[in-house]
Amino acid sequence: MQSSSQYIVSQLNGRNRRLLYEWQQLEQGLEGRSDITWHVAKANAEGLPISYLIDYHIHSICGVTDIERLNELNVENKPIYADHFTMKLDLPAKFPCVDGAPVLNFLTSTPTGEPLPHPWHPNIRYFGAFAGRVCINMADTYTDLLWGVRRVASYLRYDIYHATLEPPYPEDLQVAAWVRSQGERYGI
């Protein structure tokens, strides 16, 4: 893969300029960090990234005990923790248009089907077919990817979460119910 510094901005079309900008922002904004590492997973025909794998080396909740009895009366569901999570960040063909927002999903299994720990957070889907999907609510299409990557780190640290049943609504209602009824007692 080429270096982002090898491209001449004036020779790129609008979308490719934005792809280059996002790549450079990630390089500069995450340089030297040990809690967030990343690499390009896929590039377009011009060699510009259209998919990234972001590794979060953050101690965070990845599930709860007695999950089969989640949120039942008088059942304590204690948090279970992991120290590593991997998120795939895909840029659709229409990115950076409004209808081409980045797609953020935590990996829930390896390519061979082995389960991976994925975050237990009300703004990240834990259960079902869409497990791992991140609800980021980016302000607009001018919000850069670096902001989103940093915001997800804040999710994992539980610095930011939305667990109340009001707009914009949590991504995972079961996790949100646990956060409200039990999680906040654990100091998340």
Protein backbone atom coordinates (compact mmCIF):
# COMPACT_ATOMS: atom_id res chain seq x y z
CA MET A 1 0.00 0.00 0.00
CA GLN A 2 1.20 3.48 -0.84
CA SER A 3 1.69 6.17 1.74
CA SER A 4 -0.93 8.92 1.96
CA SER A 5 1.84 11.49 1.38
CA GLN A 6 2.45 10.11 -2.14
CA TYR A 7 -0.81 11.54 -3.48
CA ILE A 8 -1.20 14.98 -5.04
CA VAL A 9 -4.54 16.40 -3.93
CA SER A 10 -5.06 18.52 -7.07
CA GLN A 11 -4.91 15.37 -9.21
CA LEU A 12 -7.75 13.63 -7.34
CA ASN A 13 -11.49 13.84 -7.93
CA GLY A 14 -13.78 15.02 -5.09
CA ARG A 15 -14.48 11.62 -3.52
CA ASN A 16 -10.83 10.59 -3.67
CA ARG A 17 -9.80 13.88 -2.09
CA ARG A 18 -12.13 13.11 0.81
CA LEU A 19 -10.79 9.54 1.08
CA LEU A 20 -7.25 10.92 1.21
CA TYR A 21 -8.26 13.51 3.82
CA GLU A 22 -9.81 10.83 6.05
CA TRP A 23 -6.73 8.61 5.70
CA GLN A 24 -4.42 11.46 6.66
CA GLN A 25 -6.62 12.42 9.62
CA LEU A 26 -6.46 8.86 10.96
CA GLU A 27 -2.67 8.73 10.46
CA GLN A 28 -2.11 12.00 12.30
CA GLY A 29 -4.81 11.70 14.95
CA LEU A 30 -3.99 8.16 16.04
CA GLU A 31 -0.21 8.27 15.69
CA GLY A 32 1.55 6.92 18.76
CA ARG A 33 -1.62 5.77 20.50
CA SER A 34 -1.56 2.39 22.17
CA ASP A 35 -5.30 2.23 22.92
CA ILE A 36 -6.39 2.53 19.26
CA THR A 37 -4.52 0.97 16.34
CA TRP A 38 -5.69 0.56 12.78
CA HIS A 39 -4.86 -0.56 9.30
CA VAL A 40 -6.36 -0.33 5.83
CA ALA A 41 -8.47 -3.39 5.05
CA LYS A 42 -9.38 -2.50 1.45
CA ALA A 43 -8.49 0.19 -1.08
CA ASN A 44 -10.16 1.42 -4.26
CA ALA A 45 -8.61 1.20 -7.75
CA GLU A 46 -6.56 4.34 -7.06
CA GLY A 47 -5.13 2.86 -3.86
CA LEU A 48 -7.15 5.00 -1.45
CA PRO A 49 -8.69 3.32 1.60
CA ILE A 50 -12.39 2.42 1.52
CA SER A 51 -12.34 0.05 4.50
CA TYR A 52 -10.40 0.04 7.77
CA LEU A 53 -9.99 -2.32 10.69
CA ILE A 54 -9.79 -0.43 13.96
CA ASP A 55 -8.44 -2.25 17.02
CA TYR A 56 -9.44 -0.90 20.41
CA HIS A 57 -7.15 -1.99 23.25
CA ILE A 58 -9.54 -0.81 25.95
CA HIS A 59 -10.82 -2.67 29.02
CA SER A 60 -14.57 -2.73 28.46
CA ILE A 61 -17.70 -4.79 29.02
CA CYS A 62 -18.24 -7.61 26.51
CA GLY A 63 -21.27 -9.27 28.10
CA VAL A 64 -22.89 -10.15 31.39
CA THR A 65 -23.30 -13.23 33.56
CA ASP A 66 -26.56 -15.22 33.37
CA ILE A 67 -27.35 -13.62 30.01
CA GLU A 68 -30.18 -16.10 29.45
CA ARG A 69 -31.92 -14.42 32.41
CA LEU A 70 -31.06 -10.86 31.39
CA ASN A 71 -33.02 -8.16 33.19
CA GLU A 72 -35.19 -10.62 35.13
CA LEU A 73 -36.37 -9.47 38.53
CA ASN A 74 -33.92 -10.38 41.34
CA VAL A 75 -31.28 -11.69 38.89
CA GLU A 76 -27.91 -9.98 39.06
CA ASN A 77 -26.14 -9.82 35.69
CA LYS A 78 -22.56 -8.88 36.51
CA PRO A 79 -20.41 -7.39 33.74
CA ILE A 80 -17.81 -9.52 31.93
CA TYR A 81 -14.81 -7.68 30.49
CA ALA A 82 -12.42 -7.97 27.55
CA ASP A 83 -9.38 -5.87 26.60
CA HIS A 84 -9.52 -5.99 22.81
CA PHE A 85 -12.25 -5.26 20.26
CA THR A 86 -12.03 -4.95 16.47
CA MET A 87 -14.30 -2.68 14.47
CA LYS A 88 -14.64 -2.63 10.69
CA LEU A 89 -15.23 0.80 9.20
CA ASP A 90 -16.55 0.71 5.61
CA LEU A 91 -17.00 3.67 3.31
CA PRO A 92 -19.81 3.00 0.82
CA ALA A 93 -19.63 4.08 -2.82
CA LYS A 94 -21.73 7.18 -2.08
CA PHE A 95 -19.47 8.38 0.75
CA PRO A 96 -19.25 11.28 1.66
CA CYS A 97 -22.82 12.05 0.57
CA VAL A 98 -25.62 12.13 3.15
CA ASP A 99 -26.92 8.76 1.93
CA GLY A 100 -23.42 7.26 2.02
CA ALA A 101 -22.59 7.44 5.71
CA PRO A 102 -19.72 5.32 7.05
CA VAL A 103 -20.75 1.87 8.27
CA LEU A 104 -19.25 0.83 11.62
CA ASN A 105 -19.52 -2.75 12.85
CA PHE A 106 -17.62 -4.60 15.53
CA LEU A 107 -16.48 -8.03 14.45
CA THR A 108 -18.34 -10.73 16.38
CA SER A 109 -16.55 -13.76 14.94
CA THR A 110 -13.32 -14.75 13.19
CA PRO A 111 -13.31 -15.72 9.50
CA THR A 112 -13.55 -19.36 10.66
CA GLY A 113 -16.63 -18.63 12.78
CA GLU A 114 -15.01 -18.53 16.22
CA PRO A 115 -16.75 -15.98 18.44
CA LEU A 116 -14.94 -12.75 19.27
CA PRO A 117 -15.75 -10.53 22.22
CA HIS A 118 -17.79 -7.57 21.09
CA PRO A 119 -18.87 -4.56 23.12
CA TRP A 120 -21.78 -4.55 25.54
CA HIS A 121 -23.04 -1.00 25.14
CA PRO A 122 -26.51 0.47 24.52
CA ASN A 123 -25.29 2.25 21.38
CA ILE A 124 -23.79 -0.93 19.88
CA ARG A 125 -26.05 -3.83 18.87
CA TYR A 126 -25.24 -6.91 20.92
CA PHE A 127 -28.00 -9.33 19.99
CA GLY A 128 -29.40 -10.64 16.71
CA ALA A 129 -28.50 -10.52 13.05
CA PHE A 130 -27.07 -7.00 13.32
CA ALA A 131 -24.82 -7.73 16.33
CA GLY A 132 -21.83 -5.40 16.35
CA ARG A 133 -23.53 -2.51 14.54
CA VAL A 134 -22.55 0.88 15.97
CA CYS A 135 -25.03 3.74 16.26
CA ILE A 136 -22.77 6.76 16.03
CA ASN A 137 -25.18 9.58 15.08
CA MET A 138 -22.56 11.58 13.20
CA ALA A 139 -23.57 15.19 13.12
CA ASP A 140 -23.31 15.50 9.34
CA THR A 141 -21.29 14.35 6.36
CA TYR A 142 -18.55 16.82 7.25
CA THR A 143 -17.80 14.92 10.45
CA ASP A 144 -14.52 13.12 9.89
CA LEU A 145 -13.82 9.45 10.55
CA LEU A 146 -11.31 10.29 13.26
CA TRP A 147 -14.13 11.87 15.29
CA GLY A 148 -16.15 8.66 14.91
CA VAL A 149 -13.24 6.40 15.88
CA ARG A 150 -12.56 8.50 18.98
CA ARG A 151 -16.27 8.59 19.86
CA VAL A 152 -16.45 4.79 19.77
CA ALA A 153 -13.47 4.69 22.16
CA SER A 154 -15.55 6.89 24.48
CA TYR A 155 -18.39 4.38 24.15
CA LEU A 156 -16.09 1.55 25.19
CA ARG A 157 -14.95 3.53 28.23
CA TYR A 158 -18.61 4.31 28.99
CA ASP A 159 -17.79 8.02 28.93
CA ILE A 160 -20.75 8.36 26.54
CA TYR A 161 -23.91 6.29 26.34
CA HIS A 162 -27.58 6.79 25.61
CA ALA A 163 -29.72 4.26 27.48
CA THR A 164 -32.98 6.15 27.84
CA LEU A 165 -35.99 5.31 25.68
CA GLU A 166 -36.13 8.63 23.87
CA PRO A 167 -34.74 9.91 20.58
CA PRO A 168 -32.29 9.07 19.16
CA TYR A 169 -32.98 5.76 21.03
CA PRO A 170 -30.39 3.17 21.99
CA GLU A 171 -29.18 0.71 19.34
CA ASP A 172 -29.74 -2.26 21.68
CA LEU A 173 -32.78 -1.96 23.94
CA GLN A 174 -31.87 -5.02 26.06
CA VAL A 175 -28.42 -3.66 26.85
CA ALA A 176 -29.94 -0.23 27.53
CA ALA A 177 -32.37 -1.78 30.04
CA TRP A 178 -29.45 -3.50 31.79
CA VAL A 179 -27.48 -0.22 31.91
CA ARG A 180 -30.42 1.59 33.51
CA SER A 181 -31.38 -1.16 35.98
CA GLN A 182 -27.99 -2.66 36.88
CA GLY A 183 -25.01 -1.22 35.01
CA GLU A 184 -25.05 2.21 36.56
CA ARG A 185 -24.72 0.53 39.98
CA TYR A 186 -21.38 -0.89 38.79
CA GLY A 187 -20.15 2.62 38.09
CA ILE A 188 -20.10 2.42 34.32
